[in-house]
Amino acid sequence: CAKQRFRQAYEGKAWVGVRAFEVDLTNSQGNDGVQAVGTNSQTNRKRLATKGKGHRLGNESGYAAVPHGSDLLGEDIVDALTVEAWVLDRGMRPYTAYVSTAVDRKQGVEYGFALGIHNGMYSFSVAANNTGRTNRASAPEWMTMAGRRRWTHVAGVYDGRWVHVVVDGSYTGRARAGGGRVNFFYGEPLHLMRYTLHGESTELPTLRGELDEVRVWKRALKQCHLSAVMHRTVPAPLPLDLVVYFRMDGQAGPGSRRICSEGGRYTANMVGNLEWTQSSVPVWMLQTTAVCTVDD
């Protein structure tokens, strides 16, 4: 984290736009001379976006789902969790989910997690078994509106004591958590762009926009880790605590209706008006990153 603070104010110059464009990355990964020092990092972000990344999910009214995704996550995740995604939200609907296994209820036990927008604000919610109810952290509304129609990195962290929401690599909100193991509703899918299949909010609209680089970790990542790696793909061999990784690249073809996760197990099916489009996400594709494929 000390090193990350140094990166964010290199030689006394404040970063603009991309907070985590790393000096050691620009000097070591063969990026055709993109310079971080002495330049405006918004320019770096624009140039970075032209490099490497293949596809993203584009959506108006569809979603993707991993059948029985909650069952699988219940085997992998105990009492710590990090969910992150790059999102280009064109609609900024007051209630929508980017990545979710949530089953919400007015009374009784609730389940799962949801990363998305709640009451007009970026939010991350987790239901743990010590209380059986959801704890939610939200970012300020002005920060959420600043993300309209541009690529934004949104992450949620649960460490057993707190629920955090992290936007573009910076902590922006937290809420005290009840603690305990994350509740998962067996049979509920892992959703991309949809909130829930079995909860009270089944009628909430899907994300109107694009989604890329979705990752679910079985540990609570620190803010400095998130900001350090959000602008690059995860290289092989993949970390053992990265349980879901939808890179959105290397699919069978533009007509493929399935999304593979690096490392296997979590294969999502595309539902409704969901399609592949070329990605402009500001993420650098490392040559050592594995690429999964789905043969339809």
C-alpha atoms as a PDB file:
ATOM      1  CA  CYS A   1       0.000   0.000   0.000  1.00  0.00           C
ATOM      2  CA  ALA A   2       2.899   2.357   0.643  1.00  0.00           C
ATOM      3  CA  LYS A   3       4.123   1.686  -2.863  1.00  0.00           C
ATOM      4  CA  GLN A   4       0.658   2.384  -4.237  1.00  0.00           C
ATOM      5  CA  ARG A   5       0.541   5.790  -2.546  1.00  0.00           C
ATOM      6  CA  PHE A   6       3.847   6.554  -4.224  1.00  0.00           C
ATOM      7  CA  ARG A   7       2.396   5.599  -7.601  1.00  0.00           C
ATOM      8  CA  GLN A   8      -0.573   7.883  -7.173  1.00  0.00           C
ATOM      9  CA  ALA A   9       1.623  10.946  -6.654  1.00  0.00           C
ATOM     10  CA  TYR A  10       4.716  10.123  -8.683  1.00  0.00           C
ATOM     11  CA  GLU A  11       7.278  12.969  -8.526  1.00  0.00           C
ATOM     12  CA  GLY A  12       4.626  15.179  -6.988  1.00  0.00           C
ATOM     13  CA  LYS A  13       2.353  15.030 -10.028  1.00  0.00           C
ATOM     14  CA  ALA A  14      -1.225  14.010  -9.366  1.00  0.00           C
ATOM     15  CA  TRP A  15      -2.749  11.389 -11.615  1.00  0.00           C
ATOM     16  CA  VAL A  16      -5.784  12.292 -13.706  1.00  0.00           C
ATOM     17  CA  GLY A  17      -8.380   9.720 -14.756  1.00  0.00           C
ATOM     18  CA  VAL A  18      -6.434   6.493 -14.280  1.00  0.00           C
ATOM     19  CA  ARG A  19      -5.316   6.303 -10.673  1.00  0.00           C
ATOM     20  CA  ALA A  20      -3.539   2.981 -10.953  1.00  0.00           C
ATOM     21  CA  PHE A  21      -1.500   3.268 -14.148  1.00  0.00           C
ATOM     22  CA  GLU A  22       1.683   1.773 -12.711  1.00  0.00           C
ATOM     23  CA  VAL A  23       5.183   2.981 -13.408  1.00  0.00           C
ATOM     24  CA  ASP A  24       6.613  -0.540 -13.155  1.00  0.00           C
ATOM     25  CA  LEU A  25       3.968  -1.807 -15.623  1.00  0.00           C
ATOM     26  CA  THR A  26       4.807   0.790 -18.267  1.00  0.00           C
ATOM     27  CA  ASN A  27       8.507   0.087 -17.969  1.00  0.00           C
ATOM     28  CA  SER A  28       8.371  -3.700 -18.027  1.00  0.00           C
ATOM     29  CA  GLN A  29       5.517  -5.062 -20.121  1.00  0.00           C
ATOM     30  CA  GLY A  30       6.436  -3.963 -23.647  1.00  0.00           C
ATOM     31  CA  ASN A  31       3.591  -1.527 -24.206  1.00  0.00           C
ATOM     32  CA  ASP A  32       5.095   0.259 -27.228  1.00  0.00           C
ATOM     33  CA  GLY A  33       6.438   3.196 -25.300  1.00  0.00           C
ATOM     34  CA  VAL A  34       3.359   4.469 -23.468  1.00  0.00           C
ATOM     35  CA  GLN A  35       4.867   6.745 -20.837  1.00  0.00           C
ATOM     36  CA  ALA A  36       3.333   7.328 -17.434  1.00  0.00           C
ATOM     37  CA  VAL A  37       5.768   9.978 -16.214  1.00  0.00           C
ATOM     38  CA  GLY A  38       5.250  13.583 -17.252  1.00  0.00           C
ATOM     39  CA  THR A  39       2.101  12.900 -19.287  1.00  0.00           C
ATOM     40  CA  ASN A  40      -1.607  13.147 -18.697  1.00  0.00           C
ATOM     41  CA  SER A  41      -2.851   9.692 -17.794  1.00  0.00           C
ATOM     42  CA  GLN A  42      -6.146  10.339 -19.568  1.00  0.00           C
ATOM     43  CA  THR A  43      -4.090  10.145 -22.752  1.00  0.00           C
ATOM     44  CA  ASN A  44      -2.532   6.955 -21.427  1.00  0.00           C
ATOM     45  CA  ARG A  45      -5.995   5.572 -20.764  1.00  0.00           C
ATOM     46  CA  LYS A  46      -7.061   6.311 -24.328  1.00  0.00           C
ATOM     47  CA  ARG A  47      -3.971   4.659 -25.784  1.00  0.00           C
ATOM     48  CA  LEU A  48      -4.190   1.767 -23.359  1.00  0.00           C
ATOM     49  CA  ALA A  49      -7.752   1.080 -24.446  1.00  0.00           C
ATOM     50  CA  THR A  50      -6.600   0.331 -27.994  1.00  0.00           C
ATOM     51  CA  LYS A  51      -4.320  -2.470 -26.874  1.00  0.00           C
ATOM     52  CA  GLY A  52      -5.078  -6.141 -26.736  1.00  0.00           C
ATOM     53  CA  LYS A  53      -8.511  -6.641 -25.215  1.00  0.00           C
ATOM     54  CA  GLY A  54     -10.877  -8.588 -27.436  1.00  0.00           C
ATOM     55  CA  HIS A  55     -14.561  -8.582 -26.492  1.00  0.00           C
ATOM     56  CA  ARG A  56     -17.015  -7.293 -23.942  1.00  0.00           C
ATOM     57  CA  LEU A  57     -20.675  -7.994 -23.278  1.00  0.00           C
ATOM     58  CA  GLY A  58     -23.067  -5.425 -24.711  1.00  0.00           C
ATOM     59  CA  ASN A  59     -26.654  -5.398 -23.522  1.00  0.00           C
ATOM     60  CA  GLU A  60     -30.037  -3.677 -23.778  1.00  0.00           C
ATOM     61  CA  SER A  61     -32.419  -6.139 -22.129  1.00  0.00           C
ATOM     62  CA  GLY A  62     -30.623  -9.453 -21.642  1.00  0.00           C
ATOM     63  CA  TYR A  63     -28.329 -10.990 -19.059  1.00  0.00           C
ATOM     64  CA  ALA A  64     -26.028 -13.967 -18.497  1.00  0.00           C
ATOM     65  CA  ALA A  65     -26.276 -16.649 -15.834  1.00  0.00           C
ATOM     66  CA  VAL A  66     -24.150 -19.499 -14.498  1.00  0.00           C
ATOM     67  CA  PRO A  67     -26.654 -22.273 -13.670  1.00  0.00           C
ATOM     68  CA  HIS A  68     -26.352 -23.211  -9.989  1.00  0.00           C
ATOM     69  CA  GLY A  69     -23.623 -20.607  -9.618  1.00  0.00           C
ATOM     70  CA  SER A  70     -24.529 -20.102  -5.962  1.00  0.00           C
ATOM     71  CA  ASP A  71     -24.022 -23.810  -5.326  1.00  0.00           C
ATOM     72  CA  LEU A  72     -20.491 -23.592  -6.716  1.00  0.00           C
ATOM     73  CA  LEU A  73     -19.677 -20.387  -4.849  1.00  0.00           C
ATOM     74  CA  GLY A  74     -20.962 -21.938  -1.639  1.00  0.00           C
ATOM     75  CA  GLU A  75     -18.224 -24.552  -2.014  1.00  0.00           C
ATOM     76  CA  ASP A  76     -15.499 -22.004  -2.784  1.00  0.00           C
ATOM     77  CA  ILE A  77     -16.276 -18.991  -0.585  1.00  0.00           C
ATOM     78  CA  VAL A  78     -16.445 -18.924   3.211  1.00  0.00           C
ATOM     79  CA  ASP A  79     -16.244 -15.664   5.173  1.00  0.00           C
ATOM     80  CA  ALA A  80     -14.363 -13.338   2.802  1.00  0.00           C
ATOM     81  CA  LEU A  81     -15.186 -12.144  -0.692  1.00  0.00           C
ATOM     82  CA  THR A  82     -14.195  -9.649  -3.375  1.00  0.00           C
ATOM     83  CA  VAL A  83     -16.213  -8.983  -6.539  1.00  0.00           C
ATOM     84  CA  GLU A  84     -14.963  -6.614  -9.237  1.00  0.00           C
ATOM     85  CA  ALA A  85     -15.978  -5.629 -12.757  1.00  0.00           C
ATOM     86  CA  TRP A  86     -15.401  -2.991 -15.400  1.00  0.00           C
ATOM     87  CA  VAL A  87     -18.727  -1.415 -16.327  1.00  0.00           C
ATOM     88  CA  LEU A  88     -19.867   1.039 -18.966  1.00  0.00           C
ATOM     89  CA  ASP A  89     -23.328   1.857 -17.636  1.00  0.00           C
ATOM     90  CA  ARG A  90     -25.292   3.731 -20.303  1.00  0.00           C
ATOM     91  CA  GLY A  91     -28.581   3.747 -18.441  1.00  0.00           C
ATOM     92  CA  MET A  92     -27.659   4.391 -14.800  1.00  0.00           C
ATOM     93  CA  ARG A  93     -30.954   2.886 -13.723  1.00  0.00           C
ATOM     94  CA  PRO A  94     -31.642   3.495 -10.003  1.00  0.00           C
ATOM     95  CA  TYR A  95     -31.653  -0.231  -9.240  1.00  0.00           C
ATOM     96  CA  THR A  96     -29.668  -2.714 -11.279  1.00  0.00           C
ATOM     97  CA  ALA A  97     -26.980  -5.338 -10.754  1.00  0.00           C
ATOM     98  CA  TYR A  98     -23.679  -5.949 -12.502  1.00  0.00           C
ATOM     99  CA  VAL A  99     -22.718  -9.208 -10.740  1.00  0.00           C
ATOM    100  CA  SER A 100     -25.151 -10.882  -8.354  1.00  0.00           C
ATOM    101  CA  THR A 101     -26.270 -14.022  -6.549  1.00  0.00           C
ATOM    102  CA  ALA A 102     -28.689 -12.061  -4.345  1.00  0.00           C
ATOM    103  CA  VAL A 103     -31.996 -13.393  -3.073  1.00  0.00           C
ATOM    104  CA  ASP A 104     -33.624 -10.466  -1.270  1.00  0.00           C
ATOM    105  CA  ARG A 105     -36.662 -10.746   1.006  1.00  0.00           C
ATOM    106  CA  LYS A 106     -38.717  -8.308   3.066  1.00  0.00           C
ATOM    107  CA  GLN A 107     -38.611 -10.699   6.001  1.00  0.00           C
ATOM    108  CA  GLY A 108     -36.561 -13.723   6.935  1.00  0.00           C
ATOM    109  CA  VAL A 109     -33.189 -14.889   5.698  1.00  0.00           C
ATOM    110  CA  GLU A 110     -31.560 -13.235   2.700  1.00  0.00           C
ATOM    111  CA  TYR A 111     -28.806 -14.668   0.528  1.00  0.00           C
ATOM    112  CA  GLY A 112     -25.871 -13.912  -1.695  1.00  0.00           C
ATOM    113  CA  PHE A 113     -24.184 -10.722  -2.818  1.00  0.00           C
ATOM    114  CA  ALA A 114     -24.892  -7.994  -5.360  1.00  0.00           C
ATOM    115  CA  LEU A 115     -22.527  -5.515  -6.994  1.00  0.00           C
ATOM    116  CA  GLY A 116     -24.381  -2.797  -8.875  1.00  0.00           C
ATOM    117  CA  ILE A 117     -26.511   0.290  -8.308  1.00  0.00           C
ATOM    118  CA  HIS A 118     -28.928   0.642  -5.399  1.00  0.00           C
ATOM    119  CA  ASN A 119     -31.029   3.772  -4.935  1.00  0.00           C
ATOM    120  CA  GLY A 120     -28.963   5.549  -7.586  1.00  0.00           C
ATOM    121  CA  MET A 121     -25.575   4.763  -6.009  1.00  0.00           C
ATOM    122  CA  TYR A 122     -22.832   2.226  -6.692  1.00  0.00           C
ATOM    123  CA  SER A 123     -23.261  -0.393  -3.995  1.00  0.00           C
ATOM    124  CA  PHE A 124     -22.153  -3.790  -2.758  1.00  0.00           C
ATOM    125  CA  SER A 125     -24.347  -5.924  -0.530  1.00  0.00           C
ATOM    126  CA  VAL A 126     -23.639  -9.195   1.258  1.00  0.00           C
ATOM    127  CA  ALA A 127     -25.905 -11.472   3.288  1.00  0.00           C
ATOM    128  CA  ALA A 128     -24.008 -13.440   5.930  1.00  0.00           C
ATOM    129  CA  ASN A 129     -25.302 -16.104   8.274  1.00  0.00           C
ATOM    130  CA  ASN A 130     -24.628 -14.384  11.606  1.00  0.00           C
ATOM    131  CA  THR A 131     -27.622 -12.112  10.985  1.00  0.00           C
ATOM    132  CA  GLY A 132     -29.224 -13.608   7.887  1.00  0.00           C
ATOM    133  CA  ARG A 133     -29.822 -10.109   6.543  1.00  0.00           C
ATOM    134  CA  THR A 134     -28.091  -7.995   3.907  1.00  0.00           C
ATOM    135  CA  ASN A 135     -25.454  -5.401   4.780  1.00  0.00           C
ATOM    136  CA  ARG A 136     -24.894  -2.800   2.054  1.00  0.00           C
ATOM    137  CA  ALA A 137     -22.166  -0.232   1.406  1.00  0.00           C
ATOM    138  CA  SER A 138     -22.795   2.585  -1.088  1.00  0.00           C
ATOM    139  CA  ALA A 139     -20.710   5.221  -2.832  1.00  0.00           C
ATOM    140  CA  PRO A 140     -21.800   8.876  -2.905  1.00  0.00           C
ATOM    141  CA  GLU A 141     -24.397   9.656  -5.549  1.00  0.00           C
ATOM    142  CA  TRP A 142     -22.184  12.258  -7.232  1.00  0.00           C
ATOM    143  CA  MET A 143     -19.481   9.640  -7.765  1.00  0.00           C
ATOM    144  CA  THR A 144     -21.988   7.270  -9.316  1.00  0.00           C
ATOM    145  CA  MET A 145     -23.265   9.893 -11.746  1.00  0.00           C
ATOM    146  CA  ALA A 146     -19.668  10.720 -12.690  1.00  0.00           C
ATOM    147  CA  GLY A 147     -19.415   7.163 -14.015  1.00  0.00           C
ATOM    148  CA  ARG A 148     -22.281   7.581 -16.476  1.00  0.00           C
ATOM    149  CA  ARG A 149     -21.387   6.433 -19.997  1.00  0.00           C
ATOM    150  CA  ARG A 150     -17.713   5.838 -19.296  1.00  0.00           C
ATOM    151  CA  TRP A 151     -15.781   2.763 -18.289  1.00  0.00           C
ATOM    152  CA  THR A 152     -15.681   2.544 -14.486  1.00  0.00           C
ATOM    153  CA  HIS A 153     -14.092  -0.086 -12.272  1.00  0.00           C
ATOM    154  CA  VAL A 154     -16.473  -1.072  -9.458  1.00  0.00           C
ATOM    155  CA  ALA A 155     -15.565  -3.545  -6.713  1.00  0.00           C
ATOM    156  CA  GLY A 156     -17.091  -4.857  -3.508  1.00  0.00           C
ATOM    157  CA  VAL A 157     -15.173  -6.322  -0.566  1.00  0.00           C
ATOM    158  CA  TYR A 158     -16.452  -8.320   2.408  1.00  0.00           C
ATOM    159  CA  ASP A 159     -13.943  -9.143   5.162  1.00  0.00           C
ATOM    160  CA  GLY A 160     -16.328 -10.442   7.830  1.00  0.00           C
ATOM    161  CA  ARG A 161     -16.456  -7.161   9.755  1.00  0.00           C
ATOM    162  CA  TRP A 162     -17.126  -4.618   7.018  1.00  0.00           C
ATOM    163  CA  VAL A 163     -18.654  -4.373   3.568  1.00  0.00           C
ATOM    164  CA  HIS A 164     -16.731  -1.967   1.314  1.00  0.00           C
ATOM    165  CA  VAL A 165     -17.439  -0.513  -2.119  1.00  0.00           C
ATOM    166  CA  VAL A 166     -14.411   0.580  -4.159  1.00  0.00           C
ATOM    167  CA  VAL A 167     -14.796   2.783  -7.253  1.00  0.00           C
ATOM    168  CA  ASP A 168     -11.892   3.301  -9.676  1.00  0.00           C
ATOM    169  CA  GLY A 169      -9.469   1.947  -7.100  1.00  0.00           C
ATOM    170  CA  SER A 170     -10.519   4.154  -4.163  1.00  0.00           C
ATOM    171  CA  TYR A 171     -12.579   3.281  -1.082  1.00  0.00           C
ATOM    172  CA  THR A 172     -15.808   5.235  -1.347  1.00  0.00           C
ATOM    173  CA  GLY A 173     -18.126   3.671   1.220  1.00  0.00           C
ATOM    174  CA  ARG A 174     -18.399   1.003   3.863  1.00  0.00           C
ATOM    175  CA  ALA A 175     -20.951  -0.484   6.228  1.00  0.00           C
ATOM    176  CA  ARG A 176     -20.518  -2.664   9.293  1.00  0.00           C
ATOM    177  CA  ALA A 177     -21.273  -6.323   8.586  1.00  0.00           C
ATOM    178  CA  GLY A 178     -22.861  -8.871  10.864  1.00  0.00           C
ATOM    179  CA  GLY A 179     -20.060 -11.354  10.202  1.00  0.00           C
ATOM    180  CA  GLY A 180     -20.021 -15.027   9.431  1.00  0.00           C
ATOM    181  CA  ARG A 181     -20.086 -17.140   6.315  1.00  0.00           C
ATOM    182  CA  VAL A 182     -21.693 -15.733   3.175  1.00  0.00           C
ATOM    183  CA  ASN A 183     -25.178 -17.170   2.667  1.00  0.00           C
ATOM    184  CA  PHE A 184     -25.859 -18.686  -0.739  1.00  0.00           C
ATOM    185  CA  PHE A 185     -29.285 -19.784  -1.949  1.00  0.00           C
ATOM    186  CA  TYR A 186     -28.746 -23.145  -3.610  1.00  0.00           C
ATOM    187  CA  GLY A 187     -30.187 -23.140  -7.079  1.00  0.00           C
ATOM    188  CA  GLU A 188     -29.743 -19.377  -7.599  1.00  0.00           C
ATOM    189  CA  PRO A 189     -27.542 -18.623 -10.628  1.00  0.00           C
ATOM    190  CA  LEU A 190     -24.532 -16.355 -10.645  1.00  0.00           C
ATOM    191  CA  HIS A 191     -25.886 -13.449 -12.705  1.00  0.00           C
ATOM    192  CA  LEU A 192     -24.179 -10.931 -14.919  1.00  0.00           C
ATOM    193  CA  MET A 193     -26.352  -7.859 -15.564  1.00  0.00           C
ATOM    194  CA  ARG A 194     -29.328  -9.173 -13.573  1.00  0.00           C
ATOM    195  CA  TYR A 195     -30.196  -8.907  -9.879  1.00  0.00           C
ATOM    196  CA  THR A 196     -32.052 -12.062  -8.883  1.00  0.00           C
ATOM    197  CA  LEU A 197     -34.078 -15.032 -10.061  1.00  0.00           C
ATOM    198  CA  HIS A 198     -35.733 -16.054  -6.781  1.00  0.00           C
ATOM    199  CA  GLY A 199     -35.865 -12.879  -4.655  1.00  0.00           C
ATOM    200  CA  GLU A 200     -38.302 -10.014  -4.226  1.00  0.00           C
ATOM    201  CA  SER A 201     -36.586  -7.990  -6.945  1.00  0.00           C
ATOM    202  CA  THR A 202     -36.943 -10.336  -9.901  1.00  0.00           C
ATOM    203  CA  GLU A 203     -38.541  -7.545 -11.952  1.00  0.00           C
ATOM    204  CA  LEU A 204     -35.639  -5.114 -11.614  1.00  0.00           C
ATOM    205  CA  PRO A 205     -34.282  -4.064 -15.030  1.00  0.00           C
ATOM    206  CA  THR A 206     -31.082  -5.514 -16.378  1.00  0.00           C
ATOM    207  CA  LEU A 207     -27.977  -3.443 -16.974  1.00  0.00           C
ATOM    208  CA  ARG A 208     -28.173  -1.214 -20.037  1.00  0.00           C
ATOM    209  CA  GLY A 209     -24.542  -1.044 -21.059  1.00  0.00           C
ATOM    210  CA  GLU A 210     -21.360  -3.117 -21.250  1.00  0.00           C
ATOM    211  CA  LEU A 211     -19.473  -5.387 -18.885  1.00  0.00           C
ATOM    212  CA  ASP A 212     -15.897  -6.678 -18.955  1.00  0.00           C
ATOM    213  CA  GLU A 213     -13.195  -8.233 -16.742  1.00  0.00           C
ATOM    214  CA  VAL A 214     -15.448  -9.750 -14.068  1.00  0.00           C
ATOM    215  CA  ARG A 215     -13.571 -11.348 -11.155  1.00  0.00           C
ATOM    216  CA  VAL A 216     -14.711 -13.041  -7.948  1.00  0.00           C
ATOM    217  CA  TRP A 217     -12.084 -13.755  -5.277  1.00  0.00           C
ATOM    218  CA  LYS A 218     -12.463 -15.860  -2.148  1.00  0.00           C
ATOM    219  CA  ARG A 219     -10.561 -13.367  -0.018  1.00  0.00           C
ATOM    220  CA  ALA A 220     -10.912  -9.704   0.865  1.00  0.00           C
ATOM    221  CA  LEU A 221      -8.562  -7.744  -1.386  1.00  0.00           C
ATOM    222  CA  LYS A 222      -7.091  -4.497  -0.112  1.00  0.00           C
ATOM    223  CA  GLN A 223      -7.707  -1.235  -1.932  1.00  0.00           C
ATOM    224  CA  CYS A 224      -4.053  -0.998  -2.975  1.00  0.00           C
ATOM    225  CA  HIS A 225      -4.253  -4.449  -4.595  1.00  0.00           C
ATOM    226  CA  LEU A 226      -7.428  -3.584  -6.493  1.00  0.00           C
ATOM    227  CA  SER A 227      -6.053  -0.304  -7.812  1.00  0.00           C
ATOM    228  CA  ALA A 228      -2.749  -1.930  -8.765  1.00  0.00           C
ATOM    229  CA  VAL A 229      -4.229  -4.701 -10.928  1.00  0.00           C
ATOM    230  CA  MET A 230      -7.474  -3.273 -12.283  1.00  0.00           C
ATOM    231  CA  HIS A 231      -5.837  -2.033 -15.498  1.00  0.00           C
ATOM    232  CA  ARG A 232      -4.371  -5.383 -16.528  1.00  0.00           C
ATOM    233  CA  THR A 233      -5.548  -8.906 -17.061  1.00  0.00           C
ATOM    234  CA  VAL A 234      -4.619 -11.551 -14.502  1.00  0.00           C
ATOM    235  CA  PRO A 235      -1.596 -13.524 -15.762  1.00  0.00           C
ATOM    236  CA  ALA A 236      -1.224 -17.290 -15.745  1.00  0.00           C
ATOM    237  CA  PRO A 237      -0.914 -19.279 -13.597  1.00  0.00           C
ATOM    238  CA  LEU A 238      -4.077 -17.874 -12.078  1.00  0.00           C
ATOM    239  CA  PRO A 239      -4.084 -17.262  -8.298  1.00  0.00           C
ATOM    240  CA  LEU A 240      -5.787 -20.040  -6.366  1.00  0.00           C
ATOM    241  CA  ASP A 241      -8.090 -17.564  -4.628  1.00  0.00           C
ATOM    242  CA  LEU A 242      -9.486 -16.239  -7.930  1.00  0.00           C
ATOM    243  CA  VAL A 243     -12.544 -18.476  -8.288  1.00  0.00           C
ATOM    244  CA  VAL A 244     -14.374 -16.723 -11.159  1.00  0.00           C
ATOM    245  CA  TYR A 245     -12.722 -14.797 -13.984  1.00  0.00           C
ATOM    246  CA  PHE A 246     -14.774 -13.751 -17.007  1.00  0.00           C
ATOM    247  CA  ARG A 247     -12.251 -12.125 -19.323  1.00  0.00           C
ATOM    248  CA  MET A 248     -14.732 -12.088 -22.212  1.00  0.00           C
ATOM    249  CA  ASP A 249     -11.941 -12.895 -24.679  1.00  0.00           C
ATOM    250  CA  GLY A 250     -11.172 -16.037 -26.676  1.00  0.00           C
ATOM    251  CA  GLN A 251     -14.765 -17.153 -27.146  1.00  0.00           C
ATOM    252  CA  ALA A 252     -15.735 -19.564 -29.904  1.00  0.00           C
ATOM    253  CA  GLY A 253     -16.908 -16.714 -32.136  1.00  0.00           C
ATOM    254  CA  PRO A 254     -19.283 -13.763 -32.363  1.00  0.00           C
ATOM    255  CA  GLY A 255     -22.229 -16.170 -32.428  1.00  0.00           C
ATOM    256  CA  SER A 256     -21.276 -17.906 -29.173  1.00  0.00           C
ATOM    257  CA  ARG A 257     -23.984 -17.775 -26.508  1.00  0.00           C
ATOM    258  CA  ARG A 258     -21.810 -18.984 -23.655  1.00  0.00           C
ATOM    259  CA  ILE A 259     -19.128 -17.262 -21.562  1.00  0.00           C
ATOM    260  CA  CYS A 260     -16.279 -19.273 -20.118  1.00  0.00           C
ATOM    261  CA  SER A 261     -14.434 -18.500 -16.915  1.00  0.00           C
ATOM    262  CA  GLU A 262     -10.657 -18.871 -16.789  1.00  0.00           C
ATOM    263  CA  GLY A 263      -9.979 -21.893 -14.615  1.00  0.00           C
ATOM    264  CA  GLY A 264     -13.235 -23.615 -15.581  1.00  0.00           C
ATOM    265  CA  ARG A 265     -16.393 -24.568 -13.666  1.00  0.00           C
ATOM    266  CA  TYR A 266     -18.262 -21.285 -14.076  1.00  0.00           C
ATOM    267  CA  THR A 267     -19.708 -21.177 -17.604  1.00  0.00           C
ATOM    268  CA  ALA A 268     -22.459 -18.613 -18.152  1.00  0.00           C
ATOM    269  CA  ASN A 269     -25.287 -18.796 -20.683  1.00  0.00           C
ATOM    270  CA  MET A 270     -26.369 -15.638 -22.484  1.00  0.00           C
ATOM    271  CA  VAL A 271     -30.094 -14.859 -22.310  1.00  0.00           C
ATOM    272  CA  GLY A 272     -32.109 -12.375 -24.347  1.00  0.00           C
ATOM    273  CA  ASN A 273     -30.676  -9.343 -26.100  1.00  0.00           C
ATOM    274  CA  LEU A 274     -27.029  -9.848 -25.179  1.00  0.00           C
ATOM    275  CA  GLU A 275     -24.207  -9.748 -27.711  1.00  0.00           C
ATOM    276  CA  TRP A 276     -20.446  -9.607 -28.152  1.00  0.00           C
ATOM    277  CA  THR A 277     -18.865  -6.303 -29.138  1.00  0.00           C
ATOM    278  CA  GLN A 278     -15.286  -5.100 -29.431  1.00  0.00           C
ATOM    279  CA  SER A 279     -13.948  -3.859 -26.126  1.00  0.00           C
ATOM    280  CA  SER A 280     -12.480  -0.423 -25.425  1.00  0.00           C
ATOM    281  CA  VAL A 281     -12.014  -1.137 -21.718  1.00  0.00           C
ATOM    282  CA  PRO A 282      -8.798   0.421 -20.330  1.00  0.00           C
ATOM    283  CA  VAL A 283      -7.210  -2.915 -19.445  1.00  0.00           C
ATOM    284  CA  TRP A 284      -3.819  -4.104 -20.639  1.00  0.00           C
ATOM    285  CA  MET A 285      -3.744  -7.697 -21.902  1.00  0.00           C
ATOM    286  CA  LEU A 286      -0.623  -9.434 -20.632  1.00  0.00           C
ATOM    287  CA  GLN A 287       0.908 -12.016 -22.950  1.00  0.00           C
ATOM    288  CA  THR A 288       1.046 -14.581 -20.165  1.00  0.00           C
ATOM    289  CA  THR A 289      -2.703 -14.424 -19.516  1.00  0.00           C
ATOM    290  CA  ALA A 290      -4.592 -17.642 -20.193  1.00  0.00           C
ATOM    291  CA  VAL A 291      -7.554 -17.534 -22.583  1.00  0.00           C
ATOM    292  CA  CYS A 292     -10.396 -20.012 -22.177  1.00  0.00           C
ATOM    293  CA  THR A 293     -12.680 -21.030 -25.048  1.00  0.00           C
ATOM    294  CA  VAL A 294     -16.220 -22.326 -25.315  1.00  0.00           C
ATOM    295  CA  ASP A 295     -17.085 -24.570 -28.240  1.00  0.00           C
ATOM    296  CA  ASP A 296     -20.721 -24.210 -29.255  1.00  0.00           C
END
